[in-house]
Protein backbone atom coordinates (compact mmCIF):
# COMPACT_ATOMS: atom_id res chain seq x y z
CA MET A 1 114.27 125.11 158.07
CA PRO A 2 111.77 125.90 160.00
CA SER A 3 108.77 123.07 160.77
CA ASP A 4 105.64 125.26 160.82
CA PHE A 5 106.86 126.07 157.15
CA ARG A 6 108.25 122.58 156.23
CA THR A 7 105.00 121.66 157.08
CA THR A 8 103.14 123.97 155.32
CA VAL A 9 104.92 123.40 151.94
CA LEU A 10 104.92 119.54 151.96
CA THR A 11 101.26 119.62 152.73
CA ILE A 12 100.30 121.45 149.75
CA LEU A 13 102.36 119.63 147.55
CA LEU A 14 101.34 116.25 148.65
CA CYS A 15 97.69 115.81 149.26
CA PRO A 16 96.36 116.56 146.68
CA LEU A 17 99.03 114.97 144.57
CA GLY A 18 98.19 111.91 146.35
CA GLY A 19 94.84 111.94 146.14
CA GLY A 20 95.27 111.89 142.41
CA LEU A 21 97.76 108.85 142.23
CA GLY A 22 95.26 107.35 144.39
CA LEU A 23 92.75 107.87 142.20
CA SER A 24 95.00 106.53 139.41
CA MET A 25 96.38 103.11 140.86
CA ALA A 26 92.83 102.23 141.84
CA GLY A 27 91.81 102.36 138.10
CA CYS A 28 94.62 100.44 136.81
CA SER A 29 94.21 97.83 139.57
CA ALA A 30 90.71 97.69 139.18
CA HIS A 31 91.76 96.58 135.61
CA LEU A 32 94.04 94.30 136.46
CA LEU A 33 91.57 92.61 139.52
CA ALA A 34 88.26 92.52 137.27
CA PRO A 35 87.05 93.69 133.61
CA GLN A 36 86.02 97.38 134.11
CA ASP A 37 85.63 100.64 131.84
CA LEU A 38 88.85 102.11 130.45
CA SER A 39 87.83 105.53 131.84
CA GLN A 40 88.70 104.71 135.66
CA ASP A 41 92.13 104.80 134.00
CA LEU A 42 92.12 107.87 132.73
CA CYS A 43 89.95 109.47 135.36
CA GLY A 44 93.03 108.86 137.40
CA ILE A 45 95.89 110.23 135.52
CA PHE A 46 93.65 113.02 134.82
CA PHE A 47 93.26 114.07 138.38
CA PHE A 48 96.36 113.08 139.46
CA ARG A 49 97.85 115.68 136.49
CA VAL A 50 95.67 118.51 137.50
CA ALA A 51 96.37 118.52 141.21
CA PHE A 52 100.22 118.33 140.20
CA ASP A 53 99.47 121.60 137.94
CA PHE A 54 97.09 122.93 140.30
CA ASN A 55 99.17 123.09 143.37
CA ILE A 56 102.38 124.26 141.25
CA LEU A 57 100.37 127.47 140.06
CA ARG A 58 98.97 127.93 144.03
CA LEU A 59 102.11 127.53 145.32
CA LEU A 60 104.62 130.15 142.84
CA PRO A 61 103.22 133.08 144.20
CA PHE A 62 103.95 132.02 147.96
CA LEU A 63 107.85 131.15 146.71
CA PHE A 64 108.68 133.79 144.40
CA TRP A 65 107.43 136.58 146.80
CA ALA A 66 109.72 135.37 149.92
CA GLU A 67 112.98 136.28 150.32
CA SER A 68 114.30 133.92 152.76
CA PHE A 69 116.70 131.30 152.57
CA GLU A 70 114.21 128.23 153.18
CA VAL A 71 112.07 129.53 150.88
CA ARG A 72 114.47 130.13 147.89
CA LEU A 73 115.83 126.39 148.28
CA THR A 74 112.58 125.19 148.36
CA ARG A 75 111.46 127.19 144.99
CA ASP A 76 114.78 126.38 143.14
CA LEU A 77 114.23 122.12 144.20
CA LEU A 78 110.42 122.56 142.53
CA LEU A 79 111.72 124.54 139.60
CA VAL A 80 113.59 121.60 138.96
CA VAL A 81 111.34 118.71 139.93
CA VAL A 82 108.82 120.96 136.93
CA CYS A 83 112.19 120.59 134.66
CA VAL A 84 112.50 117.10 134.89
CA ALA A 85 108.56 116.37 134.36
CA LEU A 86 108.36 118.26 131.85
CA LEU A 87 111.83 116.16 129.96
CA LEU A 88 109.40 113.11 130.95
CA ALA A 89 106.63 114.59 129.03
CA SER A 90 109.20 115.39 126.37
CA LEU A 91 109.64 111.76 125.96
CA ASN A 92 105.87 110.52 125.59
CA MET A 93 106.55 108.28 128.58
CA TYR A 94 103.07 109.77 130.51
CA ARG A 95 101.12 109.07 126.37
CA THR A 96 97.52 108.51 127.22
CA GLU A 97 94.74 107.80 124.46
CA ILE A 98 90.66 109.14 125.46
CA PRO A 99 89.01 105.63 124.52
CA PHE A 100 87.16 106.44 121.64
CA GLN A 101 83.45 106.69 123.17
CA TRP A 102 84.39 109.50 125.14
CA MET A 103 85.53 111.51 121.86
CA LEU A 104 82.09 110.89 120.35
CA SER A 105 80.37 112.11 123.31
CA LEU A 106 82.70 114.86 123.97
CA CYS A 107 83.06 116.43 120.24
CA GLY A 108 79.46 115.57 119.25
CA ASP A 109 80.72 112.76 116.69
CA GLU A 110 77.88 110.29 115.76
CA TYR A 111 79.08 106.87 114.85
CA GLU A 112 76.40 104.36 113.53
CA GLY A 113 77.95 100.50 112.30
CA ASP A 114 80.00 98.16 113.98
CA GLU A 115 81.71 97.69 117.19
CA LEU A 116 83.68 95.88 119.34
CA GLN A 117 81.66 93.31 121.41
CA VAL A 118 81.57 93.75 125.41
CA GLY A 119 84.41 91.36 126.42
CA SER A 120 86.66 92.12 123.76
CA GLU A 121 90.36 93.05 124.72
CA ILE A 122 92.00 95.94 123.68
CA GLN A 123 95.48 97.24 123.95
CA ILE A 124 96.66 99.88 125.64
CA PRO A 125 99.23 102.15 123.65
CA ASN A 126 102.79 101.93 124.68
CA THR A 127 101.91 98.88 127.09
CA ASP A 128 101.85 94.97 127.35
CA ILE A 129 98.43 95.67 129.65
CA LYS A 130 95.39 94.48 127.51
CA LEU A 131 91.88 95.79 128.84
CA THR A 132 88.59 94.04 129.08
CA LEU A 133 85.89 95.91 127.45
CA SER A 134 82.65 96.03 129.78
CA GLN A 135 80.81 98.06 127.20
CA SER A 136 81.66 98.41 123.66
CA ARG A 137 81.43 102.06 121.89
CA VAL A 138 84.61 101.26 119.68
CA PRO A 139 84.08 101.36 116.02
CA HIS A 140 85.54 97.78 114.51
CA GLY A 141 84.42 96.38 111.36
CA ALA A 142 82.01 98.61 109.10
CA GLY A 143 80.84 101.83 109.86
CA THR A 144 80.16 105.64 110.03
CA LEU A 145 81.41 108.34 111.90
CA LYS A 146 79.86 112.03 111.23
CA PHE A 147 82.28 114.48 112.62
CA ALA A 148 80.52 117.48 114.84
CA ASN A 149 82.41 119.71 112.26
CA GLY A 150 80.85 118.43 109.11
CA ASN A 151 83.52 115.62 107.98
CA THR A 152 82.37 112.05 107.27
CA TYR A 153 84.05 109.00 107.01
CA GLN A 154 82.17 105.58 105.65
CA GLY A 155 84.13 102.55 105.71
CA GLU A 156 86.54 100.01 107.36
CA TRP A 157 88.11 100.40 111.60
CA GLN A 158 90.03 98.35 113.81
CA SER A 159 89.55 98.93 117.49
CA GLY A 160 88.63 102.82 116.98
CA LYS A 161 90.94 103.49 113.78
CA GLN A 162 89.85 103.52 110.22
CA HIS A 163 92.04 100.69 109.08
CA GLY A 164 90.99 98.72 105.56
CA GLN A 165 88.93 100.76 102.30
CA GLY A 166 86.88 104.05 103.22
CA ILE A 167 86.31 107.09 102.20
CA PHE A 168 86.69 110.39 104.04
CA ARG A 169 84.49 113.12 103.02
CA TYR A 170 85.61 116.72 104.21
CA VAL A 171 83.31 119.90 104.62
CA ASN A 172 85.19 121.74 102.41
CA GLY A 173 84.12 119.36 99.28
CA ASP A 174 87.48 117.66 99.13
CA ASN A 175 87.10 113.99 99.90
CA TYR A 176 89.55 110.64 100.13
CA GLU A 177 88.89 107.03 98.71
CA GLY A 178 91.26 104.32 99.45
CA GLN A 179 93.38 102.19 101.92
CA TRP A 180 94.03 103.47 105.47
CA GLN A 181 96.18 102.35 108.15
CA ASN A 182 95.78 103.02 111.96
CA GLY A 183 93.86 106.01 111.08
CA LEU A 184 95.66 107.59 108.31
CA PRO A 185 95.91 107.19 104.38
CA GLN A 186 98.56 104.38 103.77
CA GLY A 187 98.81 102.13 100.78
CA LYS A 188 96.81 103.33 97.46
CA GLY A 189 94.15 105.74 97.04
CA ILE A 190 92.39 108.81 95.50
CA PHE A 191 92.42 112.08 96.81
CA THR A 192 90.20 114.77 95.16
CA TRP A 193 90.44 118.89 96.19
CA PHE A 194 87.21 120.20 95.81
CA ASP A 195 88.28 122.43 92.98
CA GLY A 196 88.50 118.95 91.20
CA THR A 197 92.47 118.80 91.00
CA GLN A 198 92.86 114.95 91.57
CA TYR A 199 95.61 112.75 93.14
CA ILE A 200 95.60 109.11 92.16
CA GLY A 201 98.79 106.78 93.69
CA GLU A 202 100.57 105.51 96.94
CA PHE A 203 100.13 107.58 100.38
CA SER A 204 102.05 106.88 103.69
CA LEU A 205 101.22 108.40 106.50
CA GLY A 206 98.45 110.39 104.63
CA CYS A 207 100.63 112.22 102.12
CA PRO A 208 101.58 111.29 98.69
CA HIS A 209 104.49 108.57 98.85
CA GLY A 210 105.83 106.69 96.49
CA GLU A 211 104.68 106.77 92.69
CA GLY A 212 101.35 108.40 91.61
CA SER A 213 100.23 111.26 89.59
CA LYS A 214 98.30 114.13 89.98
CA ILE A 215 96.25 116.12 87.07
CA TRP A 216 95.51 120.29 88.08
CA ILE A 217 92.19 121.30 86.51
CA ASP A 218 94.08 123.79 84.06
CA GLY A 219 95.47 120.66 82.72
CA ALA A 220 99.18 120.57 83.99
CA ARG A 221 100.01 116.98 85.26
CA TYR A 222 102.83 115.37 87.06
CA SER A 223 103.07 111.59 87.05
CA GLY A 224 106.27 110.08 88.96
CA GLN A 225 108.16 109.79 92.39
CA TRP A 226 106.70 111.77 95.71
CA LYS A 227 108.00 112.13 99.02
CA GLU A 228 106.36 113.13 101.60
CA GLY A 229 103.41 114.67 99.98
CA LYS A 230 105.95 116.21 97.25
CA LYS A 231 107.44 115.95 94.06
CA SER A 232 110.69 114.31 95.06
CA GLY A 233 112.52 111.96 92.75
CA GLN A 234 111.73 110.79 88.95
CA GLY A 235 109.02 112.02 87.14
CA THR A 236 107.70 113.85 84.07
CA TYR A 237 105.74 117.53 84.18
CA SER A 238 103.40 118.39 81.64
CA TRP A 239 102.14 122.23 81.47
CA PRO A 240 99.06 122.91 79.68
CA SER A 241 101.29 125.13 77.24
CA GLY A 242 103.04 121.71 75.97
CA ARG A 243 106.03 122.13 77.46
CA GLU A 244 107.27 119.00 79.39
CA TYR A 245 109.98 118.14 81.59
CA THR A 246 111.29 114.12 82.56
CA GLY A 247 114.11 113.73 85.21
CA ALA A 248 114.94 114.43 88.86
CA TRP A 249 112.71 116.23 90.63
CA LEU A 250 113.60 117.12 94.73
CA LEU A 251 110.70 118.98 97.05
CA ASP A 252 109.06 120.24 94.04
CA ASN A 253 111.46 121.28 92.26
CA MET A 254 113.47 120.28 89.14
CA HIS A 255 116.77 119.49 90.73
CA GLY A 256 119.36 116.94 89.05
CA TYR A 257 119.32 115.54 85.58
CA GLY A 258 116.86 116.24 83.77
CA THR A 259 115.25 117.05 79.80
CA CYS A 260 113.21 119.74 79.12
CA ASN A 261 111.39 120.04 75.67
CA TYR A 262 109.55 123.73 75.01
CA GLU A 263 106.64 124.79 73.11
CA ASN A 264 108.70 126.10 70.47
CA GLY A 265 110.54 122.83 69.91
CA ASP A 266 113.55 123.70 72.10
CA LYS A 267 115.27 120.91 73.97
CA TYR A 268 117.63 121.33 77.03
CA ALA A 269 119.00 118.12 78.57
CA GLY A 270 121.52 118.70 81.52
CA ARG A 271 121.92 119.18 85.31
CA TRP A 272 119.03 121.62 87.22
CA ALA A 273 118.59 123.18 90.35
CA ASN A 274 115.60 124.80 92.50
CA ASP A 275 114.07 124.51 88.54
CA THR A 276 117.02 126.20 87.02
CA LYS A 277 119.40 124.89 84.45
CA SER A 278 122.27 124.80 86.69
CA GLY A 279 125.56 122.89 85.69
CA GLU A 280 126.34 120.87 82.52
CA GLY A 281 124.18 121.04 80.35
CA THR A 282 123.01 121.21 75.96
CA TYR A 283 120.54 123.63 74.40
CA ARG A 284 119.40 122.73 71.30
CA TRP A 285 116.91 125.22 69.41
CA ALA A 286 114.27 123.77 66.72
CA ASP A 287 116.84 125.02 63.85
CA GLY A 288 118.94 122.39 64.89
CA SER A 289 121.81 124.54 66.06
CA GLU A 290 123.01 123.90 69.93
CA VAL A 291 125.14 124.71 72.82
CA CYS A 292 126.99 122.45 75.35
CA GLY A 293 128.64 124.56 78.23
CA LEU A 294 128.44 125.50 81.93
CA TRP A 295 124.74 127.01 83.14
């Protein structure tokens, strides 16, 4: 490979990368030596990423329109580097979180309430590094956050995340009141939709999960087990017309063994699959006659 070509490629790739890496290392070292603002670390990582992406974009046209062996070889090696970088990113090795005070200023959100005190330590996610705050804009305790889109959260906070008891009001009229953990509904709570439909029960990672009841505005009601926001497990569903099913559910469908009492007095007890009678079961009419068999 000609020396002038090699020098050009290395200069294009390494100079800005070195600058971004230097900013990142400077920010990290500053935190290890003295209390500094968390934004220095993130600035370094941000400029490192921007420099890397910018130089790849700047170099790609030069590589793909060239025909020499040296250029083609450099292109292939660069593509390997890019693939490895994407793989590492997918493994979450470069995960960072923007400090809450940045989110407030960039998004136009407004917060009023308790905050972490200057000198408090916070943990960087996925690391063993603890940083000391030199200025505090991290909600911690009781407070109210008004989002730029009109949503509002009022309740307890821990290190910048909803944690404890709180109420989240959506701009469309929905609202959730109950327990929170690490920024998501977790535990017991009540979610009310804008039309009056309501779920009362247990939540996990923001979804109905566990024991709970949902009441629709037309009078329909389900009480039983939930999994990841869907009726799954054992439960009872009552229709406004008077029909009632008690039994097994899977992904919002009657699935497994269950009993259905119909409006006219008929009754079916047996197996179900995807809301349909399927398998062994007994159907008994209101006059007392019945049939047993496979459905």
